[in-house]
Amino acid sequence: MQKQTDIESALLRKYPEPVALVTTRSSAGRPNVMAVGWITFASDDPVMFVLGIDDEAYTYELIQETREFVVAFPHAGMARETLYAGTHHGHKIEKLSLAGLTTQDGVKVRAPLIADAVVNFECELVEITRPGNCPLIVGKVVAAHENTMPNLKRLLNTAKGYKLGGVSSNSES
């Protein structure tokens, strides 16, 4: 049974929600990472993601500049690194190394993969749209990579205020 409530109260019940690390690399070669909570699929043929990223984010600037990025889903043991990537701004610091994240090269885009993530998806920008106050970035997956450890639990945001925790993937059932 449902009861009417205010939007803010209802939003508190949306958890858990996905969290991803989005990596970029400037045209000058400087890498960047950002934690993103507003992420979902836009299509499965071809596979595309939609990311909500604020206008002021360095990641947004770099995606506009290079038209490519990587979406990495961190594992449950990466909460500290993910929180750092999501609470520090990359305009003046190199967050990947400061967060303690290990990277490796992709095969289709210049943005780095997160070596310890559960999966990485290399993406090319399709479009940026603005249905509200936050730009939505649509990226087409051009390559995918999975961790060699098949039983890693994905990191999720489990409650308001960045309460991060892990859940098992479907492959573990």
N, C-alpha and C. Protein backbone atom coordinates (compact mmCIF):
# COMPACT_ATOMS: atom_id res chain seq x y z
N MET A 1 0.85 -1.17 0.00
CA MET A 1 0.00 0.00 0.00
C MET A 1 0.90 1.24 0.00
N GLN A 2 0.49 2.26 -0.67
CA GLN A 2 1.24 3.51 -0.79
C GLN A 2 0.54 4.62 -0.01
N LYS A 3 1.32 5.56 0.49
CA LYS A 3 0.77 6.77 1.08
C LYS A 3 1.52 7.94 0.44
N GLN A 4 0.84 9.02 0.23
CA GLN A 4 1.49 10.18 -0.37
C GLN A 4 2.47 10.78 0.63
N THR A 5 3.63 11.23 0.11
CA THR A 5 4.67 11.84 0.93
C THR A 5 5.33 12.95 0.13
N ASP A 6 6.26 13.63 0.74
CA ASP A 6 6.99 14.65 -0.01
C ASP A 6 8.14 13.99 -0.77
N ILE A 7 8.60 14.64 -1.82
CA ILE A 7 9.63 14.07 -2.68
C ILE A 7 10.92 13.80 -1.91
N GLU A 8 11.33 14.71 -1.05
CA GLU A 8 12.58 14.53 -0.30
C GLU A 8 12.56 13.28 0.57
N SER A 9 11.44 13.01 1.23
CA SER A 9 11.32 11.80 2.05
C SER A 9 11.36 10.55 1.19
N ALA A 10 10.68 10.58 0.07
CA ALA A 10 10.67 9.41 -0.82
C ALA A 10 12.06 9.14 -1.37
N LEU A 11 12.83 10.18 -1.68
CA LEU A 11 14.18 10.00 -2.22
C LEU A 11 15.11 9.27 -1.25
N LEU A 12 14.85 9.38 0.05
CA LEU A 12 15.67 8.67 1.03
C LEU A 12 15.51 7.15 0.93
N ARG A 13 14.46 6.70 0.26
CA ARG A 13 14.19 5.26 0.15
C ARG A 13 14.68 4.67 -1.17
N LYS A 14 15.42 5.46 -1.96
CA LYS A 14 15.90 4.98 -3.26
C LYS A 14 17.16 4.13 -3.16
N TYR A 15 17.78 4.11 -2.01
CA TYR A 15 19.04 3.40 -1.84
C TYR A 15 18.82 1.90 -1.71
N PRO A 16 19.77 1.06 -2.08
CA PRO A 16 21.10 1.41 -2.57
C PRO A 16 21.05 1.88 -4.02
N GLU A 17 22.07 2.64 -4.40
CA GLU A 17 22.17 3.13 -5.77
C GLU A 17 23.59 2.89 -6.26
N PRO A 18 23.75 2.81 -7.58
CA PRO A 18 25.09 2.55 -8.11
C PRO A 18 26.04 3.71 -7.86
N VAL A 19 27.30 3.39 -7.82
CA VAL A 19 28.35 4.41 -7.81
C VAL A 19 29.40 3.92 -8.79
N ALA A 20 29.90 4.85 -9.57
CA ALA A 20 30.93 4.51 -10.57
C ALA A 20 32.06 5.51 -10.46
N LEU A 21 33.20 5.10 -10.94
CA LEU A 21 34.32 6.00 -11.12
C LEU A 21 34.41 6.31 -12.61
N VAL A 22 34.43 7.57 -12.94
CA VAL A 22 34.54 7.99 -14.34
C VAL A 22 35.92 8.60 -14.52
N THR A 23 36.68 8.03 -15.46
CA THR A 23 38.01 8.56 -15.72
C THR A 23 38.03 9.28 -17.06
N THR A 24 38.91 10.26 -17.13
CA THR A 24 39.13 11.05 -18.33
C THR A 24 40.62 11.33 -18.43
N ARG A 25 41.03 11.85 -19.56
CA ARG A 25 42.41 12.30 -19.74
C ARG A 25 42.35 13.53 -20.63
N SER A 26 42.98 14.60 -20.19
CA SER A 26 42.98 15.83 -20.97
C SER A 26 43.75 15.62 -22.27
N SER A 27 43.55 16.52 -23.22
CA SER A 27 44.28 16.41 -24.48
C SER A 27 45.78 16.56 -24.26
N ALA A 28 46.17 17.20 -23.14
CA ALA A 28 47.59 17.33 -22.78
C ALA A 28 48.12 16.09 -22.07
N GLY A 29 47.24 15.12 -21.75
CA GLY A 29 47.68 13.87 -21.15
C GLY A 29 47.45 13.72 -19.66
N ARG A 30 46.85 14.72 -19.02
CA ARG A 30 46.62 14.65 -17.57
C ARG A 30 45.38 13.82 -17.25
N PRO A 31 45.52 12.74 -16.45
CA PRO A 31 44.37 11.91 -16.12
C PRO A 31 43.54 12.51 -14.99
N ASN A 32 42.29 12.09 -14.92
CA ASN A 32 41.38 12.55 -13.87
C ASN A 32 40.39 11.44 -13.55
N VAL A 33 39.84 11.49 -12.34
CA VAL A 33 38.81 10.54 -11.92
C VAL A 33 37.76 11.29 -11.10
N MET A 34 36.52 10.82 -11.19
CA MET A 34 35.41 11.40 -10.43
C MET A 34 34.45 10.27 -10.05
N ALA A 35 33.93 10.30 -8.85
CA ALA A 35 32.88 9.36 -8.46
C ALA A 35 31.55 9.93 -8.94
N VAL A 36 30.73 9.07 -9.53
CA VAL A 36 29.44 9.48 -10.08
C VAL A 36 28.36 8.54 -9.54
N GLY A 37 27.30 9.13 -9.00
CA GLY A 37 26.18 8.35 -8.51
C GLY A 37 25.01 8.34 -9.46
N TRP A 38 24.90 9.35 -10.29
CA TRP A 38 23.80 9.42 -11.24
C TRP A 38 24.24 8.75 -12.53
N ILE A 39 23.97 7.46 -12.63
CA ILE A 39 24.40 6.67 -13.79
C ILE A 39 23.38 5.57 -14.06
N THR A 40 23.11 5.35 -15.34
CA THR A 40 22.21 4.26 -15.76
C THR A 40 22.48 3.95 -17.22
N PHE A 41 21.86 2.89 -17.70
CA PHE A 41 21.97 2.55 -19.11
C PHE A 41 20.98 3.39 -19.91
N ALA A 42 21.39 3.80 -21.10
CA ALA A 42 20.52 4.52 -22.02
C ALA A 42 20.05 3.60 -23.14
N SER A 43 20.80 2.53 -23.39
CA SER A 43 20.49 1.64 -24.50
C SER A 43 21.27 0.34 -24.30
N ASP A 44 20.73 -0.75 -24.87
CA ASP A 44 21.50 -1.99 -24.86
C ASP A 44 21.92 -2.40 -26.27
N ASP A 45 21.50 -1.66 -27.29
CA ASP A 45 21.92 -1.93 -28.66
C ASP A 45 21.95 -0.63 -29.46
N PRO A 46 23.08 0.06 -29.48
CA PRO A 46 24.34 -0.27 -28.84
C PRO A 46 24.28 0.04 -27.34
N VAL A 47 25.20 -0.54 -26.59
CA VAL A 47 25.24 -0.30 -25.15
C VAL A 47 25.70 1.15 -24.92
N MET A 48 24.91 1.89 -24.15
CA MET A 48 25.22 3.28 -23.83
C MET A 48 24.87 3.56 -22.38
N PHE A 49 25.68 4.41 -21.75
CA PHE A 49 25.43 4.89 -20.41
C PHE A 49 24.96 6.34 -20.45
N VAL A 50 24.21 6.73 -19.41
CA VAL A 50 23.88 8.13 -19.16
C VAL A 50 24.48 8.49 -17.81
N LEU A 51 25.24 9.58 -17.77
CA LEU A 51 25.85 10.06 -16.54
C LEU A 51 25.34 11.47 -16.26
N GLY A 52 24.99 11.75 -15.02
CA GLY A 52 24.69 13.11 -14.61
C GLY A 52 25.91 13.70 -13.94
N ILE A 53 26.51 14.72 -14.56
CA ILE A 53 27.74 15.33 -14.03
C ILE A 53 27.56 16.84 -14.00
N ASP A 54 27.85 17.46 -12.87
CA ASP A 54 27.69 18.91 -12.71
C ASP A 54 28.53 19.70 -13.70
N ASP A 55 28.01 20.86 -14.07
CA ASP A 55 28.71 21.78 -14.98
C ASP A 55 30.12 22.13 -14.52
N GLU A 56 30.30 22.28 -13.20
CA GLU A 56 31.58 22.76 -12.67
C GLU A 56 32.64 21.67 -12.58
N ALA A 57 32.27 20.43 -12.79
CA ALA A 57 33.20 19.32 -12.63
C ALA A 57 34.28 19.33 -13.71
N TYR A 58 35.50 19.07 -13.30
CA TYR A 58 36.61 18.95 -14.23
C TYR A 58 36.35 17.81 -15.22
N THR A 59 35.72 16.74 -14.75
CA THR A 59 35.37 15.61 -15.61
C THR A 59 34.47 16.06 -16.75
N TYR A 60 33.48 16.89 -16.46
CA TYR A 60 32.58 17.40 -17.49
C TYR A 60 33.36 18.19 -18.54
N GLU A 61 34.27 19.03 -18.07
CA GLU A 61 35.11 19.82 -18.97
C GLU A 61 35.94 18.90 -19.88
N LEU A 62 36.53 17.86 -19.30
CA LEU A 62 37.38 16.96 -20.08
C LEU A 62 36.57 16.11 -21.06
N ILE A 63 35.38 15.70 -20.69
CA ILE A 63 34.53 14.94 -21.62
C ILE A 63 34.15 15.82 -22.80
N GLN A 64 33.84 17.08 -22.55
CA GLN A 64 33.55 18.00 -23.66
C GLN A 64 34.78 18.17 -24.55
N GLU A 65 35.95 18.25 -23.94
CA GLU A 65 37.20 18.47 -24.68
C GLU A 65 37.60 17.27 -25.52
N THR A 66 37.55 16.06 -24.93
CA THR A 66 38.11 14.88 -25.60
C THR A 66 37.06 13.97 -26.22
N ARG A 67 35.81 14.11 -25.79
CA ARG A 67 34.69 13.32 -26.29
C ARG A 67 34.83 11.82 -25.99
N GLU A 68 35.50 11.51 -24.85
CA GLU A 68 35.65 10.12 -24.44
C GLU A 68 35.86 10.04 -22.93
N PHE A 69 35.59 8.84 -22.37
CA PHE A 69 35.73 8.61 -20.93
C PHE A 69 35.62 7.12 -20.67
N VAL A 70 35.92 6.73 -19.43
CA VAL A 70 35.76 5.34 -18.98
C VAL A 70 34.83 5.33 -17.78
N VAL A 71 33.90 4.39 -17.76
CA VAL A 71 33.04 4.14 -16.62
C VAL A 71 33.55 2.87 -15.95
N ALA A 72 33.98 2.99 -14.69
CA ALA A 72 34.50 1.85 -13.93
C ALA A 72 33.62 1.63 -12.71
N PHE A 73 33.23 0.39 -12.47
CA PHE A 73 32.45 0.07 -11.28
C PHE A 73 33.40 -0.49 -10.22
N PRO A 74 33.63 0.28 -9.13
CA PRO A 74 34.59 -0.14 -8.10
C PRO A 74 34.06 -1.32 -7.29
N HIS A 75 34.99 -2.07 -6.69
CA HIS A 75 34.59 -3.17 -5.81
C HIS A 75 34.43 -2.66 -4.38
N ALA A 76 33.83 -3.49 -3.53
CA ALA A 76 33.46 -3.10 -2.17
C ALA A 76 34.65 -2.63 -1.33
N GLY A 77 35.84 -3.08 -1.63
CA GLY A 77 37.02 -2.67 -0.88
C GLY A 77 37.59 -1.33 -1.32
N MET A 78 36.94 -0.67 -2.26
CA MET A 78 37.44 0.60 -2.80
C MET A 78 36.65 1.80 -2.29
N ALA A 79 36.01 1.69 -1.14
CA ALA A 79 35.20 2.79 -0.62
C ALA A 79 36.03 4.03 -0.34
N ARG A 80 37.19 3.88 0.28
CA ARG A 80 38.03 5.04 0.61
C ARG A 80 38.44 5.78 -0.65
N GLU A 81 38.91 5.07 -1.66
CA GLU A 81 39.36 5.66 -2.91
C GLU A 81 38.21 6.35 -3.64
N THR A 82 37.05 5.69 -3.63
CA THR A 82 35.88 6.25 -4.32
C THR A 82 35.39 7.50 -3.62
N LEU A 83 35.36 7.49 -2.30
CA LEU A 83 34.95 8.67 -1.53
C LEU A 83 35.91 9.83 -1.81
N TYR A 84 37.20 9.56 -1.85
CA TYR A 84 38.17 10.61 -2.16
C TYR A 84 37.89 11.19 -3.56
N ALA A 85 37.70 10.31 -4.53
CA ALA A 85 37.46 10.76 -5.91
C ALA A 85 36.18 11.58 -6.02
N GLY A 86 35.22 11.32 -5.14
CA GLY A 86 33.95 12.03 -5.20
C GLY A 86 33.86 13.28 -4.35
N THR A 87 34.84 13.50 -3.49
CA THR A 87 34.76 14.66 -2.59
C THR A 87 35.89 15.66 -2.78
N HIS A 88 36.73 15.43 -3.78
CA HIS A 88 37.82 16.37 -4.11
C HIS A 88 37.67 16.79 -5.57
N HIS A 89 38.06 18.00 -5.86
CA HIS A 89 37.94 18.52 -7.22
C HIS A 89 39.25 18.36 -7.97
N GLY A 90 39.17 17.98 -9.23
CA GLY A 90 40.34 17.67 -10.02
C GLY A 90 40.95 18.80 -10.82
N HIS A 91 40.40 20.01 -10.71
CA HIS A 91 40.95 21.11 -11.49
C HIS A 91 42.42 21.37 -11.18
N LYS A 92 42.81 21.21 -9.92
CA LYS A 92 44.18 21.57 -9.52
C LYS A 92 44.99 20.42 -8.96
N ILE A 93 44.37 19.26 -8.73
CA ILE A 93 45.10 18.11 -8.19
C ILE A 93 44.93 16.90 -9.09
N GLU A 94 45.86 15.99 -9.00
CA GLU A 94 45.79 14.75 -9.77
C GLU A 94 45.19 13.68 -8.85
N LYS A 95 43.86 13.54 -8.93
CA LYS A 95 43.13 12.71 -7.98
C LYS A 95 43.42 11.21 -8.09
N LEU A 96 43.74 10.72 -9.26
CA LEU A 96 43.97 9.27 -9.40
C LEU A 96 45.06 8.79 -8.45
N SER A 97 46.21 9.44 -8.48
CA SER A 97 47.30 8.99 -7.61
C SER A 97 47.04 9.35 -6.16
N LEU A 98 46.45 10.52 -5.91
CA LEU A 98 46.16 10.91 -4.52
C LEU A 98 45.12 10.00 -3.87
N ALA A 99 44.21 9.47 -4.68
CA ALA A 99 43.20 8.53 -4.16
C ALA A 99 43.79 7.14 -3.98
N GLY A 100 44.97 6.89 -4.52
CA GLY A 100 45.58 5.58 -4.40
C GLY A 100 45.05 4.57 -5.41
N LEU A 101 44.54 5.06 -6.54
CA LEU A 101 43.99 4.17 -7.56
C LEU A 101 45.06 3.76 -8.56
N THR A 102 45.06 2.49 -8.90
CA THR A 102 45.97 1.95 -9.90
C THR A 102 45.25 1.93 -11.24
N THR A 103 45.95 2.34 -12.29
CA THR A 103 45.33 2.38 -13.61
C THR A 103 46.07 1.49 -14.59
N GLN A 104 45.41 1.26 -15.71
CA GLN A 104 46.04 0.60 -16.84
C GLN A 104 45.43 1.19 -18.10
N ASP A 105 46.12 1.02 -19.21
CA ASP A 105 45.66 1.58 -20.47
C ASP A 105 44.47 0.80 -21.00
N GLY A 106 43.56 1.52 -21.64
CA GLY A 106 42.47 0.89 -22.37
C GLY A 106 42.93 0.55 -23.77
N VAL A 107 41.97 0.17 -24.62
CA VAL A 107 42.31 -0.18 -25.99
C VAL A 107 41.71 0.76 -27.02
N LYS A 108 40.66 1.49 -26.67
CA LYS A 108 39.97 2.35 -27.64
C LYS A 108 40.02 3.83 -27.29
N VAL A 109 40.09 4.17 -26.01
CA VAL A 109 40.11 5.58 -25.61
C VAL A 109 41.36 5.85 -24.78
N ARG A 110 41.70 7.12 -24.66
CA ARG A 110 42.91 7.51 -23.93
C ARG A 110 42.70 7.55 -22.42
N ALA A 111 41.46 7.67 -21.96
CA ALA A 111 41.17 7.70 -20.53
C ALA A 111 41.61 6.37 -19.92
N PRO A 112 42.18 6.41 -18.70
CA PRO A 112 42.68 5.17 -18.09
C PRO A 112 41.57 4.29 -17.52
N LEU A 113 41.85 3.00 -17.48
CA LEU A 113 41.00 2.04 -16.78
C LEU A 113 41.41 2.05 -15.31
N ILE A 114 40.49 1.70 -14.42
CA ILE A 114 40.80 1.48 -13.00
C ILE A 114 41.10 0.00 -12.86
N ALA A 115 42.37 -0.33 -12.61
CA ALA A 115 42.84 -1.71 -12.65
C ALA A 115 42.11 -2.63 -11.67
N ASP A 116 41.74 -2.14 -10.50
CA ASP A 116 41.11 -2.99 -9.48
C ASP A 116 39.59 -3.02 -9.55
N ALA A 117 38.99 -2.27 -10.45
CA ALA A 117 37.53 -2.21 -10.54
C ALA A 117 36.95 -3.56 -10.96
N VAL A 118 35.67 -3.75 -10.69
CA VAL A 118 34.97 -4.96 -11.10
C VAL A 118 34.94 -5.03 -12.63
N VAL A 119 34.52 -3.93 -13.25
CA VAL A 119 34.48 -3.81 -14.71
C VAL A 119 34.81 -2.38 -15.11
N ASN A 120 35.28 -2.22 -16.34
CA ASN A 120 35.53 -0.92 -16.95
C ASN A 120 34.88 -0.91 -18.33
N PHE A 121 34.27 0.21 -18.68
CA PHE A 121 33.66 0.38 -19.99
C PHE A 121 34.26 1.63 -20.64
N GLU A 122 34.95 1.44 -21.75
CA GLU A 122 35.47 2.58 -22.49
C GLU A 122 34.32 3.15 -23.32
N CYS A 123 34.16 4.48 -23.27
CA CYS A 123 33.02 5.13 -23.92
C CYS A 123 33.45 6.30 -24.80
N GLU A 124 32.71 6.48 -25.88
CA GLU A 124 32.83 7.66 -26.72
C GLU A 124 31.56 8.48 -26.54
N LEU A 125 31.72 9.79 -26.46
CA LEU A 125 30.59 10.69 -26.25
C LEU A 125 29.63 10.63 -27.43
N VAL A 126 28.35 10.46 -27.14
CA VAL A 126 27.30 10.50 -28.15
C VAL A 126 26.66 11.88 -28.15
N GLU A 127 26.25 12.33 -26.95
CA GLU A 127 25.63 13.65 -26.84
C GLU A 127 25.60 14.09 -25.39
N ILE A 128 25.40 15.39 -25.22
CA ILE A 128 25.14 15.98 -23.91
C ILE A 128 23.81 16.69 -24.04
N THR A 129 22.91 16.39 -23.11
CA THR A 129 21.59 17.01 -23.10
C THR A 129 21.34 17.58 -21.72
N ARG A 130 20.39 18.49 -21.62
CA ARG A 130 20.12 19.14 -20.34
C ARG A 130 18.60 19.23 -20.12
N PRO A 131 18.00 18.17 -19.55
CA PRO A 131 16.57 18.22 -19.29
C PRO A 131 16.21 18.99 -18.03
N GLY A 132 17.19 19.22 -17.15
CA GLY A 132 16.98 19.95 -15.90
C GLY A 132 18.23 20.74 -15.59
N ASN A 133 18.59 20.81 -14.32
CA ASN A 133 19.75 21.63 -13.93
C ASN A 133 21.09 20.91 -14.08
N CYS A 134 21.09 19.63 -14.41
CA CYS A 134 22.33 18.86 -14.50
C CYS A 134 22.48 18.30 -15.92
N PRO A 135 23.64 18.54 -16.55
CA PRO A 135 23.86 17.95 -17.87
C PRO A 135 23.87 16.43 -17.80
N LEU A 136 23.27 15.79 -18.79
CA LEU A 136 23.31 14.34 -18.91
C LEU A 136 24.22 13.99 -20.08
N ILE A 137 25.19 13.16 -19.80
CA ILE A 137 26.20 12.76 -20.78
C ILE A 137 25.86 11.35 -21.24
N VAL A 138 25.69 11.18 -22.53
CA VAL A 138 25.40 9.87 -23.10
C VAL A 138 26.67 9.38 -23.80
N GLY A 139 27.14 8.21 -23.39
CA GLY A 139 28.35 7.64 -23.97
C GLY A 139 28.11 6.24 -24.48
N LYS A 140 28.62 5.95 -25.67
CA LYS A 140 28.52 4.62 -26.28
C LYS A 140 29.72 3.79 -25.86
N VAL A 141 29.47 2.58 -25.39
CA VAL A 141 30.53 1.67 -24.98
C VAL A 141 31.22 1.13 -26.24
N VAL A 142 32.55 1.32 -26.29
CA VAL A 142 33.33 0.84 -27.44
C VAL A 142 34.29 -0.29 -27.05
N ALA A 143 34.46 -0.53 -25.76
CA ALA A 143 35.28 -1.66 -25.28
C ALA A 143 34.92 -1.91 -23.83
N ALA A 144 35.04 -3.16 -23.40
CA ALA A 144 34.73 -3.54 -22.01
C ALA A 144 35.84 -4.42 -21.47
N HIS A 145 36.05 -4.32 -20.15
CA HIS A 145 37.10 -5.08 -19.46
C HIS A 145 36.54 -5.55 -18.13
N GLU A 146 36.88 -6.78 -17.72
CA GLU A 146 36.43 -7.29 -16.43
C GLU A 146 37.61 -7.74 -15.60
N ASN A 147 37.45 -7.63 -14.30
CA ASN A 147 38.50 -8.04 -13.37
C ASN A 147 38.68 -9.54 -13.46
N THR A 148 39.91 -10.00 -13.31
CA THR A 148 40.21 -11.43 -13.37
C THR A 148 39.72 -12.17 -12.13
N MET A 149 39.33 -11.42 -11.08
CA MET A 149 38.76 -12.03 -9.87
C MET A 149 37.24 -11.98 -10.01
N PRO A 150 36.58 -13.10 -10.32
CA PRO A 150 35.16 -13.08 -10.64
C PRO A 150 34.21 -12.84 -9.47
N ASN A 151 34.65 -12.98 -8.24
CA ASN A 151 33.73 -12.88 -7.10
C ASN A 151 33.78 -11.55 -6.35
N LEU A 152 34.31 -10.52 -6.98
CA LEU A 152 34.34 -9.21 -6.32
C LEU A 152 32.93 -8.66 -6.15
N LYS A 153 32.69 -8.04 -5.00
CA LYS A 153 31.41 -7.39 -4.75
C LYS A 153 31.48 -5.94 -5.23
N ARG A 154 30.42 -5.49 -5.88
CA ARG A 154 30.36 -4.11 -6.35
C ARG A 154 30.11 -3.17 -5.20
N LEU A 155 30.72 -2.00 -5.26
CA LEU A 155 30.50 -0.94 -4.29
C LEU A 155 29.24 -0.17 -4.66
N LEU A 156 28.39 0.08 -3.68
CA LEU A 156 27.16 0.86 -3.88
C LEU A 156 27.08 1.94 -2.83
N ASN A 157 26.35 2.98 -3.14
CA ASN A 157 26.00 3.99 -2.15
C ASN A 157 24.73 3.50 -1.47
N THR A 158 24.80 3.20 -0.18
CA THR A 158 23.69 2.54 0.50
C THR A 158 22.77 3.48 1.27
N ALA A 159 23.17 4.75 1.45
CA ALA A 159 22.33 5.70 2.18
C ALA A 159 22.81 7.12 1.92
N LYS A 160 21.97 8.09 2.24
CA LYS A 160 22.33 9.49 2.10
C LYS A 160 23.62 9.78 2.86
N GLY A 161 24.46 10.64 2.30
CA GLY A 161 25.70 11.00 2.97
C GLY A 161 26.86 10.10 2.61
N TYR A 162 26.78 9.45 1.47
CA TYR A 162 27.87 8.61 0.96
C TYR A 162 28.20 7.45 1.88
N LYS A 163 27.21 6.69 2.24
CA LYS A 163 27.42 5.45 3.01
C LYS A 163 27.68 4.35 1.99
N LEU A 164 28.94 3.96 1.86
CA LEU A 164 29.34 3.04 0.80
C LEU A 164 29.47 1.62 1.34
N GLY A 165 28.96 0.66 0.56
CA GLY A 165 29.04 -0.74 0.95
C GLY A 165 28.97 -1.63 -0.27
N GLY A 166 29.24 -2.91 -0.09
CA GLY A 166 29.30 -3.82 -1.22
C GLY A 166 28.12 -4.76 -1.30
N VAL A 167 27.84 -5.18 -2.51
CA VAL A 167 26.83 -6.21 -2.76
C VAL A 167 27.39 -7.17 -3.79
N SER A 168 26.88 -8.38 -3.75
CA SER A 168 27.33 -9.39 -4.69
C SER A 168 26.73 -9.15 -6.07
N SER A 169 27.47 -9.51 -7.09
CA SER A 169 26.96 -9.42 -8.45
C SER A 169 26.06 -10.61 -8.73
N ASN A 170 25.30 -10.55 -9.82
CA ASN A 170 24.41 -11.63 -10.20
C ASN A 170 25.16 -12.92 -10.47
N SER A 171 26.42 -12.81 -10.88
CA SER A 171 27.19 -14.01 -11.22
C SER A 171 27.47 -14.86 -9.98
N GLU A 172 27.26 -14.31 -8.80
CA GLU A 172 27.54 -15.07 -7.57
C GLU A 172 26.32 -15.86 -7.08
N SER A 173 25.17 -15.69 -7.70
CA SER A 173 23.99 -16.38 -7.19
C SER A 173 23.91 -17.81 -7.66
